[in-house]
């Protein structure tokens, strides 16, 4: 994988981290965020980073369909494990875990579209 591609995936994760931090700051200002929500958000960001890493590996293994499928299934697991975990805890605590899962692929798609311009 080239440096340019790695930088693109790191930018996507950075955008995800910033958006998650902004949402948690708003929740904190409204007295809606506690330490468990912050911890779950950090855990969610870790899973988001792992999911983006799996997407980067799938991007790298592009000609080999079996390898792309394997990495994409690992990406799906990285997205759905926090969602399953979020179903086991109360709703406000689950927000911190689910919010980071919403932005990585969207920000990556926008960055790839801007890259093609």
N, C-alpha and C. Protein backbone atom coordinates (compact mmCIF):
# COMPACT_ATOMS: atom_id res chain seq x y z
N UNK A 1 0.85 -1.17 0.00
CA UNK A 1 0.00 0.00 0.00
C UNK A 1 0.90 1.24 0.00
N UNK A 2 0.52 2.20 -0.78
CA UNK A 2 1.34 3.40 -0.89
C UNK A 2 1.14 4.31 0.31
N UNK A 3 2.07 5.22 0.47
CA UNK A 3 1.96 6.19 1.57
C UNK A 3 0.71 7.05 1.42
N UNK A 4 0.38 7.37 0.18
CA UNK A 4 -0.78 8.21 -0.08
C UNK A 4 -2.07 7.51 0.38
N UNK A 5 -2.16 6.21 0.10
CA UNK A 5 -3.34 5.45 0.51
C UNK A 5 -3.41 5.33 2.03
N UNK A 6 -2.27 5.06 2.66
CA UNK A 6 -2.25 4.99 4.13
C UNK A 6 -2.67 6.32 4.74
N UNK A 7 -2.18 7.41 4.16
CA UNK A 7 -2.55 8.73 4.68
C UNK A 7 -4.05 8.97 4.55
N UNK A 8 -4.63 8.48 3.47
CA UNK A 8 -6.07 8.64 3.25
C UNK A 8 -6.87 7.91 4.33
N UNK A 9 -6.46 6.68 4.66
CA UNK A 9 -7.17 5.92 5.69
C UNK A 9 -6.97 6.55 7.07
N UNK A 10 -5.78 7.07 7.34
CA UNK A 10 -5.54 7.75 8.62
C UNK A 10 -6.36 9.03 8.71
N UNK A 11 -6.50 9.75 7.59
CA UNK A 11 -7.35 10.95 7.60
C UNK A 11 -8.79 10.59 7.91
N UNK A 12 -9.27 9.50 7.32
CA UNK A 12 -10.65 9.07 7.58
C UNK A 12 -10.84 8.74 9.05
N UNK A 13 -9.86 8.08 9.67
CA UNK A 13 -9.98 7.78 11.09
C UNK A 13 -9.89 9.05 11.92
N UNK A 14 -9.04 9.97 11.51
CA UNK A 14 -8.93 11.24 12.23
C UNK A 14 -10.22 12.03 12.20
N UNK A 15 -10.87 12.05 11.04
CA UNK A 15 -12.17 12.73 10.93
C UNK A 15 -13.18 12.06 11.86
N UNK A 16 -13.17 10.74 11.90
CA UNK A 16 -14.06 10.00 12.79
C UNK A 16 -13.80 10.36 14.24
N UNK A 17 -12.53 10.43 14.63
CA UNK A 17 -12.19 10.76 16.01
C UNK A 17 -12.63 12.17 16.37
N UNK A 18 -12.44 13.11 15.46
CA UNK A 18 -12.83 14.50 15.73
C UNK A 18 -14.34 14.63 15.85
N UNK A 19 -15.08 14.01 14.93
CA UNK A 19 -16.54 14.09 14.98
C UNK A 19 -17.06 13.42 16.25
N UNK A 20 -16.49 12.29 16.62
CA UNK A 20 -16.91 11.62 17.85
C UNK A 20 -16.62 12.49 19.07
N UNK A 21 -15.45 13.12 19.09
CA UNK A 21 -15.11 14.00 20.21
C UNK A 21 -16.06 15.19 20.30
N UNK A 22 -16.43 15.75 19.15
CA UNK A 22 -17.38 16.87 19.16
C UNK A 22 -18.76 16.43 19.68
N UNK A 23 -19.22 15.28 19.24
CA UNK A 23 -20.52 14.79 19.71
C UNK A 23 -20.47 14.51 21.21
N UNK A 24 -19.39 13.91 21.68
CA UNK A 24 -19.27 13.65 23.12
C UNK A 24 -19.14 14.94 23.91
N UNK A 25 -18.49 15.96 23.34
CA UNK A 25 -18.40 17.25 24.03
C UNK A 25 -19.78 17.88 24.19
N UNK A 26 -20.60 17.78 23.15
CA UNK A 26 -21.97 18.29 23.24
C UNK A 26 -22.75 17.50 24.29
N UNK A 27 -22.58 16.18 24.28
CA UNK A 27 -23.27 15.36 25.28
C UNK A 27 -22.80 15.71 26.69
N UNK A 28 -21.51 15.95 26.84
CA UNK A 28 -20.95 16.30 28.15
C UNK A 28 -21.50 17.65 28.61
N UNK A 29 -21.59 18.61 27.68
CA UNK A 29 -22.11 19.93 28.02
C UNK A 29 -23.57 19.87 28.44
N UNK A 30 -24.30 18.92 27.91
CA UNK A 30 -25.72 18.77 28.26
C UNK A 30 -25.90 17.84 29.46
N UNK A 31 -24.82 17.52 30.15
CA UNK A 31 -24.85 16.59 31.29
C UNK A 31 -25.43 15.25 30.91
N UNK A 32 -25.13 14.80 29.71
CA UNK A 32 -25.66 13.54 29.22
C UNK A 32 -24.57 12.49 29.07
N UNK A 33 -23.32 12.88 29.25
CA UNK A 33 -22.22 11.93 29.08
C UNK A 33 -21.54 11.68 30.42
N UNK A 34 -21.29 10.43 30.70
CA UNK A 34 -20.56 10.06 31.89
C UNK A 34 -19.28 9.35 31.50
N UNK A 35 -18.56 8.87 32.50
CA UNK A 35 -17.28 8.22 32.22
C UNK A 35 -17.45 6.93 31.44
N UNK A 36 -18.55 6.21 31.71
CA UNK A 36 -18.79 4.97 30.97
C UNK A 36 -19.02 5.26 29.49
N UNK A 37 -19.69 6.36 29.20
CA UNK A 37 -19.91 6.74 27.80
C UNK A 37 -18.60 7.14 27.12
N UNK A 38 -17.75 7.83 27.86
CA UNK A 38 -16.43 8.19 27.30
C UNK A 38 -15.62 6.93 27.04
N UNK A 39 -15.62 5.99 28.00
CA UNK A 39 -14.89 4.74 27.82
C UNK A 39 -15.44 3.95 26.64
N UNK A 40 -16.77 3.90 26.52
CA UNK A 40 -17.34 3.15 25.40
C UNK A 40 -17.03 3.84 24.07
N UNK A 41 -16.93 5.17 24.07
CA UNK A 41 -16.56 5.88 22.84
C UNK A 41 -15.12 5.57 22.46
N UNK A 42 -14.24 5.50 23.44
CA UNK A 42 -12.84 5.14 23.13
C UNK A 42 -12.77 3.71 22.60
N UNK A 43 -13.55 2.83 23.18
CA UNK A 43 -13.61 1.46 22.68
C UNK A 43 -14.18 1.43 21.26
N UNK A 44 -15.21 2.23 21.03
CA UNK A 44 -15.79 2.33 19.69
C UNK A 44 -14.80 2.88 18.68
N UNK A 45 -13.99 3.87 19.08
CA UNK A 45 -12.96 4.40 18.19
C UNK A 45 -11.91 3.34 17.88
N UNK A 46 -11.60 2.51 18.85
CA UNK A 46 -10.66 1.42 18.60
C UNK A 46 -11.20 0.44 17.58
N UNK A 47 -12.47 0.09 17.71
CA UNK A 47 -13.09 -0.80 16.72
C UNK A 47 -13.19 -0.12 15.36
N UNK A 48 -13.44 1.18 15.34
CA UNK A 48 -13.49 1.91 14.06
C UNK A 48 -12.12 1.90 13.39
N UNK A 49 -11.07 2.07 14.19
CA UNK A 49 -9.71 2.02 13.62
C UNK A 49 -9.41 0.63 13.08
N UNK A 50 -9.82 -0.40 13.82
CA UNK A 50 -9.59 -1.77 13.34
C UNK A 50 -10.38 -2.03 12.05
N UNK A 51 -11.61 -1.51 11.99
CA UNK A 51 -12.41 -1.68 10.78
C UNK A 51 -11.80 -0.97 9.58
N UNK A 52 -11.28 0.23 9.80
CA UNK A 52 -10.62 0.94 8.70
C UNK A 52 -9.34 0.24 8.28
N UNK A 53 -8.63 -0.35 9.23
CA UNK A 53 -7.42 -1.10 8.89
C UNK A 53 -7.78 -2.30 8.02
N UNK A 54 -8.88 -2.97 8.36
CA UNK A 54 -9.33 -4.10 7.54
C UNK A 54 -9.73 -3.64 6.14
N UNK A 55 -10.37 -2.47 6.04
CA UNK A 55 -10.70 -1.93 4.72
C UNK A 55 -9.44 -1.58 3.94
N UNK A 56 -8.43 -1.07 4.63
CA UNK A 56 -7.17 -0.75 3.95
C UNK A 56 -6.51 -2.02 3.42
N UNK A 57 -6.57 -3.09 4.21
CA UNK A 57 -6.01 -4.36 3.76
C UNK A 57 -6.81 -4.92 2.58
N UNK A 58 -8.13 -4.75 2.60
CA UNK A 58 -8.95 -5.19 1.47
C UNK A 58 -8.62 -4.37 0.22
N UNK A 59 -8.39 -3.08 0.42
CA UNK A 59 -8.01 -2.19 -0.68
C UNK A 59 -6.67 -2.62 -1.27
N UNK A 60 -5.77 -3.05 -0.40
CA UNK A 60 -4.44 -3.50 -0.83
C UNK A 60 -4.51 -4.82 -1.58
N UNK A 61 -5.42 -5.70 -1.19
CA UNK A 61 -5.52 -7.04 -1.79
C UNK A 61 -6.52 -7.07 -2.94
N UNK A 62 -6.72 -5.94 -3.60
CA UNK A 62 -7.79 -5.77 -4.58
C UNK A 62 -7.87 -6.83 -5.68
N UNK A 63 -6.81 -7.29 -6.31
CA UNK A 63 -7.03 -8.26 -7.39
C UNK A 63 -7.52 -9.63 -6.89
N UNK A 64 -7.20 -10.00 -5.66
CA UNK A 64 -7.54 -11.31 -5.12
C UNK A 64 -8.91 -11.25 -4.43
N UNK A 65 -9.93 -11.81 -5.07
CA UNK A 65 -11.30 -11.72 -4.54
C UNK A 65 -11.45 -12.40 -3.19
N UNK A 66 -10.77 -13.52 -2.98
CA UNK A 66 -10.89 -14.23 -1.70
C UNK A 66 -10.31 -13.40 -0.57
N UNK A 67 -9.18 -12.77 -0.82
CA UNK A 67 -8.56 -11.94 0.22
C UNK A 67 -9.41 -10.70 0.52
N UNK A 68 -9.96 -10.10 -0.52
CA UNK A 68 -10.82 -8.93 -0.32
C UNK A 68 -12.04 -9.33 0.51
N UNK A 69 -12.63 -10.48 0.21
CA UNK A 69 -13.79 -10.96 0.96
C UNK A 69 -13.43 -11.20 2.42
N UNK A 70 -12.28 -11.82 2.65
CA UNK A 70 -11.85 -12.08 4.03
C UNK A 70 -11.69 -10.79 4.82
N UNK A 71 -11.00 -9.81 4.24
CA UNK A 71 -10.77 -8.55 4.94
C UNK A 71 -12.08 -7.77 5.12
N UNK A 72 -12.97 -7.86 4.13
CA UNK A 72 -14.23 -7.14 4.27
C UNK A 72 -15.11 -7.78 5.34
N UNK A 73 -15.09 -9.09 5.46
CA UNK A 73 -15.84 -9.75 6.53
C UNK A 73 -15.27 -9.39 7.90
N UNK A 74 -13.95 -9.27 7.99
CA UNK A 74 -13.35 -8.81 9.25
C UNK A 74 -13.77 -7.37 9.55
N UNK A 75 -13.87 -6.55 8.51
CA UNK A 75 -14.35 -5.18 8.71
C UNK A 75 -15.78 -5.19 9.24
N UNK A 76 -16.62 -6.02 8.66
CA UNK A 76 -18.01 -6.12 9.12
C UNK A 76 -18.07 -6.56 10.57
N UNK A 77 -17.20 -7.49 10.96
CA UNK A 77 -17.15 -7.92 12.36
C UNK A 77 -16.73 -6.76 13.27
N UNK A 78 -15.77 -5.97 12.82
CA UNK A 78 -15.32 -4.82 13.62
C UNK A 78 -16.42 -3.78 13.79
N UNK A 79 -17.35 -3.72 12.85
CA UNK A 79 -18.46 -2.78 12.96
C UNK A 79 -19.58 -3.37 13.82
N UNK A 80 -19.86 -4.66 13.68
CA UNK A 80 -21.01 -5.23 14.36
C UNK A 80 -20.73 -5.68 15.79
N UNK A 81 -19.49 -5.94 16.15
CA UNK A 81 -19.19 -6.29 17.55
C UNK A 81 -19.58 -5.15 18.49
N UNK A 82 -19.21 -3.89 18.20
CA UNK A 82 -19.68 -2.81 19.08
C UNK A 82 -21.19 -2.65 19.10
N UNK A 83 -21.84 -2.91 17.98
CA UNK A 83 -23.31 -2.81 17.94
C UNK A 83 -23.94 -3.87 18.83
N UNK A 84 -23.42 -5.09 18.77
CA UNK A 84 -23.93 -6.15 19.65
C UNK A 84 -23.65 -5.81 21.11
N UNK A 85 -22.45 -5.31 21.39
CA UNK A 85 -22.12 -4.90 22.76
C UNK A 85 -23.05 -3.78 23.22
N UNK A 86 -23.37 -2.87 22.31
CA UNK A 86 -24.23 -1.74 22.66
C UNK A 86 -25.64 -2.21 23.02
N UNK A 87 -26.07 -3.33 22.46
CA UNK A 87 -27.39 -3.85 22.80
C UNK A 87 -27.44 -4.42 24.20
N UNK A 88 -26.27 -4.68 24.80
CA UNK A 88 -26.23 -5.28 26.13
C UNK A 88 -26.21 -4.25 27.25
N UNK A 89 -25.98 -2.98 26.93
CA UNK A 89 -25.90 -1.95 27.96
C UNK A 89 -27.02 -0.94 27.73
N UNK A 90 -27.16 -0.01 28.65
CA UNK A 90 -28.24 0.98 28.53
C UNK A 90 -28.00 1.91 27.34
N UNK A 91 -29.06 2.53 26.87
CA UNK A 91 -29.00 3.34 25.64
C UNK A 91 -27.98 4.47 25.71
N UNK A 92 -27.95 5.30 26.76
CA UNK A 92 -26.97 6.39 26.77
C UNK A 92 -25.53 5.89 26.74
N UNK A 93 -25.27 4.77 27.40
CA UNK A 93 -23.92 4.21 27.38
C UNK A 93 -23.58 3.63 26.02
N UNK A 94 -24.58 3.14 25.33
CA UNK A 94 -24.36 2.55 24.02
C UNK A 94 -24.05 3.60 22.96
N UNK A 95 -24.51 4.82 23.16
CA UNK A 95 -24.25 5.87 22.17
C UNK A 95 -22.76 6.06 21.93
N UNK A 96 -21.99 6.04 23.01
CA UNK A 96 -20.55 6.22 22.87
C UNK A 96 -19.91 5.12 22.04
N UNK A 97 -20.47 3.94 22.08
CA UNK A 97 -19.91 2.81 21.32
C UNK A 97 -20.34 2.84 19.86
N UNK A 98 -21.56 3.28 19.60
CA UNK A 98 -22.11 3.22 18.24
C UNK A 98 -21.72 4.43 17.40
N UNK A 99 -21.61 5.60 18.00
CA UNK A 99 -21.33 6.82 17.24
C UNK A 99 -20.06 6.70 16.39
N UNK A 100 -18.94 6.17 16.90
CA UNK A 100 -17.75 6.08 16.04
C UNK A 100 -17.91 5.13 14.85
N UNK A 101 -18.89 4.26 14.89
CA UNK A 101 -19.09 3.32 13.78
C UNK A 101 -19.80 3.97 12.60
N UNK A 102 -20.37 5.16 12.80
CA UNK A 102 -21.17 5.80 11.76
C UNK A 102 -20.34 6.54 10.72
N UNK A 103 -19.15 7.00 11.08
CA UNK A 103 -18.44 7.96 10.25
C UNK A 103 -17.26 7.45 9.43
N UNK A 104 -16.58 6.35 9.77
CA UNK A 104 -15.35 6.01 9.03
C UNK A 104 -15.56 5.76 7.54
N UNK A 105 -16.55 4.98 7.18
CA UNK A 105 -16.74 4.64 5.76
C UNK A 105 -17.22 5.86 4.99
N UNK A 106 -18.07 6.67 5.61
CA UNK A 106 -18.55 7.88 4.95
C UNK A 106 -17.40 8.85 4.70
N UNK A 107 -16.58 9.08 5.73
CA UNK A 107 -15.46 10.00 5.55
C UNK A 107 -14.45 9.44 4.55
N UNK A 108 -14.26 8.12 4.54
CA UNK A 108 -13.36 7.52 3.56
C UNK A 108 -13.91 7.70 2.15
N UNK A 109 -15.21 7.53 1.97
CA UNK A 109 -15.81 7.72 0.65
C UNK A 109 -15.66 9.16 0.17
N UNK A 110 -15.86 10.11 1.07
CA UNK A 110 -15.70 11.52 0.69
C UNK A 110 -14.25 11.81 0.34
N UNK A 111 -13.32 11.29 1.13
CA UNK A 111 -11.89 11.52 0.84
C UNK A 111 -11.49 10.88 -0.49
N UNK A 112 -12.00 9.68 -0.78
CA UNK A 112 -11.69 9.05 -2.06
C UNK A 112 -12.29 9.83 -3.22
N UNK A 113 -13.49 10.37 -3.03
CA UNK A 113 -14.11 11.18 -4.09
C UNK A 113 -13.32 12.46 -4.33
N UNK A 114 -12.86 13.08 -3.25
CA UNK A 114 -12.05 14.29 -3.40
C UNK A 114 -10.69 13.98 -4.02
N UNK A 115 -10.19 12.78 -3.76
CA UNK A 115 -8.91 12.35 -4.32
C UNK A 115 -9.00 12.22 -5.84
N UNK A 116 -10.14 11.77 -6.32
CA UNK A 116 -10.31 11.55 -7.76
C UNK A 116 -10.45 12.85 -8.54
N UNK A 117 -10.79 13.94 -7.86
CA UNK A 117 -10.96 15.23 -8.55
C UNK A 117 -9.67 15.74 -9.11
